[in-house]
Amino acid sequence: MKASAGGYARAESVRHALDLLAGSEGQGRVLAGGQSLVAAMNMRLSVGDLLVDISKISELSGVAVEGDILRIGALTRHAQVGADAQIKTHAPLLTAAVSHIAHAAIRNRGTIGGALAHADPAAEFPACALALGATMHAEGPSGTRGIAADEFFEDVFTTSLSEDEILTSITMPIAEQGEVQILEEVARRSGDYALVGLCLIKRAVGHRIAVFSVGPRPILATNAMAALDQGDVDAAVEALSNEIDPPSDTQASSAYRRHLAGVLLRRAVCRMKGETA
């Protein structure tokens, strides 16, 4: 199956892209790396009269540290995220995530902003953003706004971005001294979407746990976090089991995914303590 016929326009700036979207009467689609959008269009899951290509807008790429905040441009490619020294130092969870994302061809073309806006519930970057307490920055006709990660992801492939907005960057606190960031996931084959994945962060104020591929969006497991703050791993695993309602499909049953989530939490805690799972 091939994508339906439609128009194409390359934006020269963010403002130009917004003007193109405004003139599309709700039928515009933003094209960045295209690794998710084009596949969806080929399956007729996304149909748009106009593709607005933002891939050449240089201001939307790059990594910078601004005080105690790490800023990543939305067009920064997965491979660049994985190789960037500042990200490795200040948000190593993202570095770890890249090695689990699909294959080299996808990592060389896909963008972090595209992955976040696509909001696949089995993808790594949305869960990482949630665990890190990131903020997504969007620009639209009314100006710019920041959207907290826990308000950004709403449902399967659905975010709080408006049709006339463009995701421009993502920011997050830089890792504090002694902070630990761990990602664990289980997939049937290298490059496949995770059956279950889990992000664990330990900060001075407590733990953060985000789980993915267990529901329509990544989940911040607040009850499991509270139990782990008290040092009770068993209670944290039980709380996590109660906080998720994973689906059953051809890859895994709900019960198996629930079990895997507990296994991954225990494994992450062992790594956090420098122990062998």
C-alpha atoms as a PDB file:
ATOM      1  CA  MET A   1       0.000   0.000   0.000  1.00  0.00           C
ATOM      2  CA  LYS A   2       1.252   3.472  -0.855  1.00  0.00           C
ATOM      3  CA  ALA A   3       0.582   6.882   0.625  1.00  0.00           C
ATOM      4  CA  SER A   4      -2.300   8.886  -0.789  1.00  0.00           C
ATOM      5  CA  ALA A   5      -1.405  11.712  -3.142  1.00  0.00           C
ATOM      6  CA  GLY A   6      -0.888  15.103  -1.582  1.00  0.00           C
ATOM      7  CA  GLY A   7       1.118  18.294  -1.744  1.00  0.00           C
ATOM      8  CA  TYR A   8       4.610  19.031  -0.472  1.00  0.00           C
ATOM      9  CA  ALA A   9       6.275  22.227   0.675  1.00  0.00           C
ATOM     10  CA  ARG A  10       9.703  22.798   2.242  1.00  0.00           C
ATOM     11  CA  ALA A  11       9.642  25.352   5.047  1.00  0.00           C
ATOM     12  CA  GLU A  12      12.483  27.863   5.248  1.00  0.00           C
ATOM     13  CA  SER A  13      11.813  28.861   8.859  1.00  0.00           C
ATOM     14  CA  VAL A  14       9.516  28.032  11.749  1.00  0.00           C
ATOM     15  CA  ARG A  15       7.300  30.986  10.861  1.00  0.00           C
ATOM     16  CA  HIS A  16       7.124  29.828   7.243  1.00  0.00           C
ATOM     17  CA  ALA A  17       6.158  26.335   8.415  1.00  0.00           C
ATOM     18  CA  LEU A  18       3.416  27.747  10.640  1.00  0.00           C
ATOM     19  CA  ASP A  19       2.071  29.805   7.740  1.00  0.00           C
ATOM     20  CA  LEU A  20       1.992  26.693   5.547  1.00  0.00           C
ATOM     21  CA  LEU A  21       0.115  24.754   8.227  1.00  0.00           C
ATOM     22  CA  ALA A  22      -2.324  27.624   8.703  1.00  0.00           C
ATOM     23  CA  GLY A  23      -3.073  27.615   4.978  1.00  0.00           C
ATOM     24  CA  SER A  24      -3.664  23.856   4.855  1.00  0.00           C
ATOM     25  CA  GLU A  25      -7.077  24.085   6.578  1.00  0.00           C
ATOM     26  CA  GLY A  26      -6.193  21.358   9.054  1.00  0.00           C
ATOM     27  CA  GLN A  27      -4.821  18.995   6.410  1.00  0.00           C
ATOM     28  CA  GLY A  28      -1.124  19.730   6.936  1.00  0.00           C
ATOM     29  CA  ARG A  29       1.339  17.203   8.333  1.00  0.00           C
ATOM     30  CA  VAL A  30       4.770  18.136   9.644  1.00  0.00           C
ATOM     31  CA  LEU A  31       7.578  16.117   8.062  1.00  0.00           C
ATOM     32  CA  ALA A  32      10.850  15.957  10.010  1.00  0.00           C
ATOM     33  CA  GLY A  33      12.768  12.679   9.695  1.00  0.00           C
ATOM     34  CA  GLY A  34       9.726  10.952   8.235  1.00  0.00           C
ATOM     35  CA  GLN A  35      10.484   7.568   9.809  1.00  0.00           C
ATOM     36  CA  SER A  36       7.092   7.377  11.539  1.00  0.00           C
ATOM     37  CA  LEU A  37       4.946   9.655   9.394  1.00  0.00           C
ATOM     38  CA  VAL A  38       5.780   8.101   6.019  1.00  0.00           C
ATOM     39  CA  ALA A  39       5.180   4.588   7.354  1.00  0.00           C
ATOM     40  CA  ALA A  40       1.827   5.691   8.761  1.00  0.00           C
ATOM     41  CA  MET A  41       0.894   7.320   5.466  1.00  0.00           C
ATOM     42  CA  ASN A  42       1.818   4.196   3.532  1.00  0.00           C
ATOM     43  CA  MET A  43      -0.637   2.261   5.697  1.00  0.00           C
ATOM     44  CA  ARG A  44      -3.221   5.047   5.266  1.00  0.00           C
ATOM     45  CA  LEU A  45      -3.142   5.643   9.039  1.00  0.00           C
ATOM     46  CA  SER A  46      -2.300   9.291   8.395  1.00  0.00           C
ATOM     47  CA  VAL A  47      -3.698  11.153   5.418  1.00  0.00           C
ATOM     48  CA  GLY A  48      -2.721  14.749   4.715  1.00  0.00           C
ATOM     49  CA  ASP A  49      -3.178  17.042   1.746  1.00  0.00           C
ATOM     50  CA  LEU A  50       0.081  18.869   2.475  1.00  0.00           C
ATOM     51  CA  LEU A  51       3.423  17.681   3.846  1.00  0.00           C
ATOM     52  CA  VAL A  52       5.282  20.577   5.451  1.00  0.00           C
ATOM     53  CA  ASP A  53       8.972  19.626   5.431  1.00  0.00           C
ATOM     54  CA  ILE A  54      10.834  21.247   8.334  1.00  0.00           C
ATOM     55  CA  SER A  55      13.980  19.118   8.033  1.00  0.00           C
ATOM     56  CA  LYS A  56      16.181  21.971   6.769  1.00  0.00           C
ATOM     57  CA  ILE A  57      15.362  24.478   9.510  1.00  0.00           C
ATOM     58  CA  SER A  58      18.773  24.632  11.203  1.00  0.00           C
ATOM     59  CA  GLU A  59      17.528  26.469  14.300  1.00  0.00           C
ATOM     60  CA  LEU A  60      15.590  23.346  15.320  1.00  0.00           C
ATOM     61  CA  SER A  61      18.702  21.162  15.613  1.00  0.00           C
ATOM     62  CA  GLY A  62      21.469  20.927  18.168  1.00  0.00           C
ATOM     63  CA  VAL A  63      22.185  20.489  21.864  1.00  0.00           C
ATOM     64  CA  ALA A  64      22.991  23.182  24.430  1.00  0.00           C
ATOM     65  CA  VAL A  65      23.387  23.516  28.178  1.00  0.00           C
ATOM     66  CA  GLU A  66      21.715  26.656  29.525  1.00  0.00           C
ATOM     67  CA  GLY A  67      22.577  26.958  33.213  1.00  0.00           C
ATOM     68  CA  ASP A  68      21.105  23.862  34.854  1.00  0.00           C
ATOM     69  CA  ILE A  69      18.919  23.028  31.839  1.00  0.00           C
ATOM     70  CA  LEU A  70      19.720  20.802  28.864  1.00  0.00           C
ATOM     71  CA  ARG A  71      18.031  21.861  25.622  1.00  0.00           C
ATOM     72  CA  ILE A  72      17.739  19.542  22.609  1.00  0.00           C
ATOM     73  CA  GLY A  73      16.406  20.805  19.295  1.00  0.00           C
ATOM     74  CA  ALA A  74      13.444  18.859  17.956  1.00  0.00           C
ATOM     75  CA  LEU A  75      15.251  18.033  14.696  1.00  0.00           C
ATOM     76  CA  THR A  76      18.245  16.479  16.451  1.00  0.00           C
ATOM     77  CA  ARG A  77      18.513  12.991  15.000  1.00  0.00           C
ATOM     78  CA  HIS A  78      18.534   9.844  17.099  1.00  0.00           C
ATOM     79  CA  ALA A  79      22.129   9.082  16.125  1.00  0.00           C
ATOM     80  CA  GLN A  80      23.181  12.589  17.164  1.00  0.00           C
ATOM     81  CA  VAL A  81      21.442  12.165  20.515  1.00  0.00           C
ATOM     82  CA  GLY A  82      23.307   8.910  21.039  1.00  0.00           C
ATOM     83  CA  ALA A  83      26.702  10.407  20.171  1.00  0.00           C
ATOM     84  CA  ASP A  84      26.457  13.798  21.863  1.00  0.00           C
ATOM     85  CA  ALA A  85      28.860  14.238  24.807  1.00  0.00           C
ATOM     86  CA  GLN A  86      26.645  16.774  26.603  1.00  0.00           C
ATOM     87  CA  ILE A  87      23.654  14.433  26.515  1.00  0.00           C
ATOM     88  CA  LYS A  88      25.802  11.543  27.736  1.00  0.00           C
ATOM     89  CA  THR A  89      26.908  13.664  30.689  1.00  0.00           C
ATOM     90  CA  HIS A  90      23.652  15.405  31.565  1.00  0.00           C
ATOM     91  CA  ALA A  91      20.919  12.985  30.371  1.00  0.00           C
ATOM     92  CA  PRO A  92      22.519   9.533  29.951  1.00  0.00           C
ATOM     93  CA  LEU A  93      19.071   7.942  29.892  1.00  0.00           C
ATOM     94  CA  LEU A  94      18.633   9.323  26.365  1.00  0.00           C
ATOM     95  CA  THR A  95      22.035   7.984  25.321  1.00  0.00           C
ATOM     96  CA  ALA A  96      21.044   4.539  26.552  1.00  0.00           C
ATOM     97  CA  ALA A  97      17.694   4.722  24.761  1.00  0.00           C
ATOM     98  CA  VAL A  98      19.225   5.267  21.327  1.00  0.00           C
ATOM     99  CA  SER A  99      20.863   1.834  21.230  1.00  0.00           C
ATOM    100  CA  HIS A 100      17.403   0.252  21.566  1.00  0.00           C
ATOM    101  CA  ILE A 101      15.764   2.264  18.778  1.00  0.00           C
ATOM    102  CA  ALA A 102      15.166   0.231  15.627  1.00  0.00           C
ATOM    103  CA  HIS A 103      18.172   0.060  13.298  1.00  0.00           C
ATOM    104  CA  ALA A 104      20.964   2.326  12.071  1.00  0.00           C
ATOM    105  CA  ALA A 105      18.999   3.613   9.071  1.00  0.00           C
ATOM    106  CA  ILE A 106      16.133   4.701  11.324  1.00  0.00           C
ATOM    107  CA  ARG A 107      18.481   6.257  13.890  1.00  0.00           C
ATOM    108  CA  ASN A 108      20.253   8.245  11.176  1.00  0.00           C
ATOM    109  CA  ARG A 109      16.996   9.753   9.857  1.00  0.00           C
ATOM    110  CA  GLY A 110      14.574   9.846  12.769  1.00  0.00           C
ATOM    111  CA  THR A 111      14.444  12.889  15.068  1.00  0.00           C
ATOM    112  CA  ILE A 112      13.793  13.160  18.776  1.00  0.00           C
ATOM    113  CA  GLY A 113      11.025  15.690  18.170  1.00  0.00           C
ATOM    114  CA  GLY A 114       9.378  13.407  15.639  1.00  0.00           C
ATOM    115  CA  ALA A 115       9.457  10.510  18.094  1.00  0.00           C
ATOM    116  CA  LEU A 116       7.934  12.615  20.861  1.00  0.00           C
ATOM    117  CA  ALA A 117       5.220  14.102  18.644  1.00  0.00           C
ATOM    118  CA  HIS A 118       4.400  10.660  17.208  1.00  0.00           C
ATOM    119  CA  ALA A 119       3.808   9.430  20.790  1.00  0.00           C
ATOM    120  CA  ASP A 120       4.123   5.721  20.137  1.00  0.00           C
ATOM    121  CA  PRO A 121       3.397   4.075  23.517  1.00  0.00           C
ATOM    122  CA  ALA A 122       6.084   1.424  22.841  1.00  0.00           C
ATOM    123  CA  ALA A 123       8.821   3.951  21.999  1.00  0.00           C
ATOM    124  CA  GLU A 124      11.714   4.838  24.290  1.00  0.00           C
ATOM    125  CA  PHE A 125      11.982   8.623  24.006  1.00  0.00           C
ATOM    126  CA  PRO A 126       8.478   9.482  25.316  1.00  0.00           C
ATOM    127  CA  ALA A 127       9.081   7.391  28.450  1.00  0.00           C
ATOM    128  CA  CYS A 128      12.533   8.935  28.875  1.00  0.00           C
ATOM    129  CA  ALA A 129      11.020  12.416  28.656  1.00  0.00           C
ATOM    130  CA  LEU A 130       8.467  11.494  31.315  1.00  0.00           C
ATOM    131  CA  ALA A 131      11.072  10.005  33.652  1.00  0.00           C
ATOM    132  CA  LEU A 132      13.395  12.991  33.221  1.00  0.00           C
ATOM    133  CA  GLY A 133      10.621  15.488  33.945  1.00  0.00           C
ATOM    134  CA  ALA A 134      11.175  17.099  30.561  1.00  0.00           C
ATOM    135  CA  THR A 135       9.298  20.004  29.041  1.00  0.00           C
ATOM    136  CA  MET A 136       8.267  20.081  25.403  1.00  0.00           C
ATOM    137  CA  HIS A 137       8.378  23.482  23.716  1.00  0.00           C
ATOM    138  CA  ALA A 138       5.944  24.247  20.923  1.00  0.00           C
ATOM    139  CA  GLU A 139       5.406  27.230  18.669  1.00  0.00           C
ATOM    140  CA  GLY A 140       2.126  28.179  17.038  1.00  0.00           C
ATOM    141  CA  PRO A 141       0.216  31.181  15.726  1.00  0.00           C
ATOM    142  CA  SER A 142      -0.355  32.429  19.271  1.00  0.00           C
ATOM    143  CA  GLY A 143       3.304  32.184  20.263  1.00  0.00           C
ATOM    144  CA  THR A 144       5.350  29.661  22.217  1.00  0.00           C
ATOM    145  CA  ARG A 145       4.464  27.481  25.159  1.00  0.00           C
ATOM    146  CA  GLY A 146       6.047  24.795  27.310  1.00  0.00           C
ATOM    147  CA  ILE A 147       4.215  21.534  27.968  1.00  0.00           C
ATOM    148  CA  ALA A 148       5.256  19.246  30.821  1.00  0.00           C
ATOM    149  CA  ALA A 149       5.841  15.663  29.727  1.00  0.00           C
ATOM    150  CA  ASP A 150       3.104  14.331  32.018  1.00  0.00           C
ATOM    151  CA  GLU A 151       0.621  16.606  30.226  1.00  0.00           C
ATOM    152  CA  PHE A 152       2.018  16.134  26.717  1.00  0.00           C
ATOM    153  CA  PHE A 153       1.227  12.449  26.093  1.00  0.00           C
ATOM    154  CA  GLU A 154      -2.513  11.850  26.041  1.00  0.00           C
ATOM    155  CA  ASP A 155      -3.282   8.577  24.237  1.00  0.00           C
ATOM    156  CA  VAL A 156      -2.012   6.266  21.508  1.00  0.00           C
ATOM    157  CA  PHE A 157      -0.261   8.502  18.933  1.00  0.00           C
ATOM    158  CA  THR A 158      -1.944  11.509  20.564  1.00  0.00           C
ATOM    159  CA  THR A 159      -0.374  14.513  22.274  1.00  0.00           C
ATOM    160  CA  SER A 160      -1.550  17.894  23.504  1.00  0.00           C
ATOM    161  CA  LEU A 161       0.023  19.600  20.478  1.00  0.00           C
ATOM    162  CA  SER A 162      -2.492  21.516  18.393  1.00  0.00           C
ATOM    163  CA  GLU A 163      -2.718  20.936  14.648  1.00  0.00           C
ATOM    164  CA  ASP A 164      -1.247  24.381  14.035  1.00  0.00           C
ATOM    165  CA  GLU A 165       1.717  23.955  16.412  1.00  0.00           C
ATOM    166  CA  ILE A 166       5.250  22.677  15.824  1.00  0.00           C
ATOM    167  CA  LEU A 167       7.408  21.022  18.467  1.00  0.00           C
ATOM    168  CA  THR A 168      10.645  23.034  18.497  1.00  0.00           C
ATOM    169  CA  SER A 169      12.710  21.665  21.384  1.00  0.00           C
ATOM    170  CA  ILE A 170      12.783  19.628  24.556  1.00  0.00           C
ATOM    171  CA  THR A 171      14.360  20.732  27.825  1.00  0.00           C
ATOM    172  CA  MET A 172      15.151  18.909  31.050  1.00  0.00           C
ATOM    173  CA  PRO A 173      17.142  19.444  34.254  1.00  0.00           C
ATOM    174  CA  ILE A 174      20.770  18.384  33.910  1.00  0.00           C
ATOM    175  CA  ALA A 175      21.703  15.353  35.980  1.00  0.00           C
ATOM    176  CA  GLU A 176      22.727  16.269  39.505  1.00  0.00           C
ATOM    177  CA  GLN A 177      25.883  14.978  41.188  1.00  0.00           C
ATOM    178  CA  GLY A 178      25.439  11.273  41.915  1.00  0.00           C
ATOM    179  CA  GLU A 179      22.217  10.928  39.898  1.00  0.00           C
ATOM    180  CA  VAL A 180      21.622   7.494  38.391  1.00  0.00           C
ATOM    181  CA  GLN A 181      19.647   6.965  35.172  1.00  0.00           C
ATOM    182  CA  ILE A 182      18.845   3.465  33.940  1.00  0.00           C
ATOM    183  CA  LEU A 183      16.816   2.060  31.051  1.00  0.00           C
ATOM    184  CA  GLU A 184      15.770  -1.596  30.851  1.00  0.00           C
ATOM    185  CA  GLU A 185      13.607  -3.243  28.227  1.00  0.00           C
ATOM    186  CA  VAL A 186      12.736  -6.634  26.778  1.00  0.00           C
ATOM    187  CA  ALA A 187      12.179  -7.140  23.047  1.00  0.00           C
ATOM    188  CA  ARG A 188      11.900 -10.321  21.039  1.00  0.00           C
ATOM    189  CA  ARG A 189      14.619  -9.233  18.635  1.00  0.00           C
ATOM    190  CA  SER A 190      17.126  -6.417  18.486  1.00  0.00           C
ATOM    191  CA  GLY A 191      15.441  -3.423  16.884  1.00  0.00           C
ATOM    192  CA  ASP A 192      11.898  -4.577  17.670  1.00  0.00           C
ATOM    193  CA  TYR A 193       9.603  -2.473  19.811  1.00  0.00           C
ATOM    194  CA  ALA A 194       9.847  -3.402  23.478  1.00  0.00           C
ATOM    195  CA  LEU A 195       7.380  -5.843  24.969  1.00  0.00           C
ATOM    196  CA  VAL A 196       7.912  -3.804  28.137  1.00  0.00           C
ATOM    197  CA  GLY A 197      10.393  -1.061  28.971  1.00  0.00           C
ATOM    198  CA  LEU A 198      11.244   0.803  32.153  1.00  0.00           C
ATOM    199  CA  CYS A 199      13.184   3.968  33.003  1.00  0.00           C
ATOM    200  CA  LEU A 200      14.503   4.419  36.545  1.00  0.00           C
ATOM    201  CA  ILE A 201      16.078   7.614  37.843  1.00  0.00           C
ATOM    202  CA  LYS A 202      17.463   8.116  41.340  1.00  0.00           C
ATOM    203  CA  ARG A 203      17.774  11.728  42.512  1.00  0.00           C
ATOM    204  CA  ALA A 204      18.375  13.289  45.905  1.00  0.00           C
ATOM    205  CA  VAL A 205      14.645  13.968  46.265  1.00  0.00           C
ATOM    206  CA  GLY A 206      13.660  10.423  45.350  1.00  0.00           C
ATOM    207  CA  HIS A 207      13.094   8.008  42.501  1.00  0.00           C
ATOM    208  CA  ARG A 208      11.276   8.398  39.196  1.00  0.00           C
ATOM    209  CA  ILE A 209       9.937   5.380  37.303  1.00  0.00           C
ATOM    210  CA  ALA A 210       8.413   5.541  33.830  1.00  0.00           C
ATOM    211  CA  VAL A 211       7.104   2.436  32.082  1.00  0.00           C
ATOM    212  CA  PHE A 212       6.354   2.006  28.390  1.00  0.00           C
ATOM    213  CA  SER A 213       4.614  -0.517  26.156  1.00  0.00           C
ATOM    214  CA  VAL A 214       2.141  -1.239  28.947  1.00  0.00           C
ATOM    215  CA  GLY A 215      -0.710   1.046  27.905  1.00  0.00           C
ATOM    216  CA  PRO A 216      -1.819   3.794  25.533  1.00  0.00           C
ATOM    217  CA  ARG A 217       0.945   6.158  26.716  1.00  0.00           C
ATOM    218  CA  PRO A 218       4.038   6.017  28.953  1.00  0.00           C
ATOM    219  CA  ILE A 219       3.149   5.820  32.620  1.00  0.00           C
ATOM    220  CA  LEU A 220       4.809   7.542  35.567  1.00  0.00           C
ATOM    221  CA  ALA A 221       4.513   4.924  38.319  1.00  0.00           C
ATOM    222  CA  THR A 222       4.071   7.247  41.297  1.00  0.00           C
ATOM    223  CA  ASN A 223       3.079   4.555  43.825  1.00  0.00           C
ATOM    224  CA  ALA A 224       6.058   2.397  42.896  1.00  0.00           C
ATOM    225  CA  MET A 225       8.255   5.489  43.188  1.00  0.00           C
ATOM    226  CA  ALA A 226       6.980   6.172  46.708  1.00  0.00           C
ATOM    227  CA  ALA A 227       7.632   2.572  47.779  1.00  0.00           C
ATOM    228  CA  LEU A 228      11.128   2.645  46.346  1.00  0.00           C
ATOM    229  CA  ASP A 229      11.801   5.910  48.165  1.00  0.00           C
ATOM    230  CA  GLN A 230      11.157   3.919  51.350  1.00  0.00           C
ATOM    231  CA  GLY A 231      13.668   1.289  50.255  1.00  0.00           C
ATOM    232  CA  ASP A 232      11.054  -1.463  49.823  1.00  0.00           C
ATOM    233  CA  VAL A 233      11.684  -3.099  46.439  1.00  0.00           C
ATOM    234  CA  ASP A 234       9.025  -5.790  46.910  1.00  0.00           C
ATOM    235  CA  ALA A 235       6.393  -3.166  47.683  1.00  0.00           C
ATOM    236  CA  ALA A 236       7.539  -1.151  44.683  1.00  0.00           C
ATOM    237  CA  VAL A 237       7.123  -4.165  42.388  1.00  0.00           C
ATOM    238  CA  GLU A 238       3.655  -4.841  43.795  1.00  0.00           C
ATOM    239  CA  ALA A 239       2.669  -1.180  43.416  1.00  0.00           C
ATOM    240  CA  LEU A 240       3.921  -1.157  39.838  1.00  0.00           C
ATOM    241  CA  SER A 241       1.860  -4.247  39.048  1.00  0.00           C
ATOM    242  CA  ASN A 242      -1.237  -2.459  40.326  1.00  0.00           C
ATOM    243  CA  GLU A 243      -0.501   0.770  38.473  1.00  0.00           C
ATOM    244  CA  ILE A 244      -0.359  -0.701  34.983  1.00  0.00           C
ATOM    245  CA  ASP A 245      -2.985  -2.365  32.823  1.00  0.00           C
ATOM    246  CA  PRO A 246      -0.983  -3.725  29.892  1.00  0.00           C
ATOM    247  CA  PRO A 247      -2.696  -4.963  26.732  1.00  0.00           C
ATOM    248  CA  SER A 248      -2.592  -8.472  25.322  1.00  0.00           C
ATOM    249  CA  ASP A 249      -1.618  -8.895  21.694  1.00  0.00           C
ATOM    250  CA  THR A 250       0.135 -11.344  19.380  1.00  0.00           C
ATOM    251  CA  GLN A 251       3.487 -10.535  21.007  1.00  0.00           C
ATOM    252  CA  ALA A 252       2.653 -10.981  24.691  1.00  0.00           C
ATOM    253  CA  SER A 253      -0.232 -11.393  27.098  1.00  0.00           C
ATOM    254  CA  SER A 254      -1.222  -8.788  29.656  1.00  0.00           C
ATOM    255  CA  ALA A 255      -0.090 -11.059  32.499  1.00  0.00           C
ATOM    256  CA  TYR A 256       3.311 -11.592  30.895  1.00  0.00           C
ATOM    257  CA  ARG A 257       3.845  -7.865  30.400  1.00  0.00           C
ATOM    258  CA  ARG A 258       2.865  -7.222  34.015  1.00  0.00           C
ATOM    259  CA  HIS A 259       5.377  -9.844  35.151  1.00  0.00           C
ATOM    260  CA  LEU A 260       8.093  -8.374  32.919  1.00  0.00           C
ATOM    261  CA  ALA A 261       7.562  -4.904  34.374  1.00  0.00           C
ATOM    262  CA  GLY A 262       8.358  -6.247  37.842  1.00  0.00           C
ATOM    263  CA  VAL A 263      11.390  -8.124  36.557  1.00  0.00           C
ATOM    264  CA  LEU A 264      12.719  -4.990  34.876  1.00  0.00           C
ATOM    265  CA  LEU A 265      12.202  -2.899  38.008  1.00  0.00           C
ATOM    266  CA  ARG A 266      14.163  -5.391  40.104  1.00  0.00           C
ATOM    267  CA  ARG A 267      16.877  -5.514  37.447  1.00  0.00           C
ATOM    268  CA  ALA A 268      17.105  -1.717  37.314  1.00  0.00           C
ATOM    269  CA  VAL A 269      17.335  -1.468  41.104  1.00  0.00           C
ATOM    270  CA  CYS A 270      20.168  -4.013  41.111  1.00  0.00           C
ATOM    271  CA  ARG A 271      22.030  -1.988  38.495  1.00  0.00           C
ATOM    272  CA  MET A 272      21.411   1.176  40.481  1.00  0.00           C
ATOM    273  CA  LYS A 273      23.066  -0.466  43.494  1.00  0.00           C
ATOM    274  CA  GLY A 274      25.899  -1.867  41.403  1.00  0.00           C
ATOM    275  CA  GLU A 275      24.702  -5.431  41.969  1.00  0.00           C
ATOM    276  CA  THR A 276      24.091  -8.309  39.550  1.00  0.00           C
ATOM    277  CA  ALA A 277      20.415  -9.007  38.836  1.00  0.00           C
END
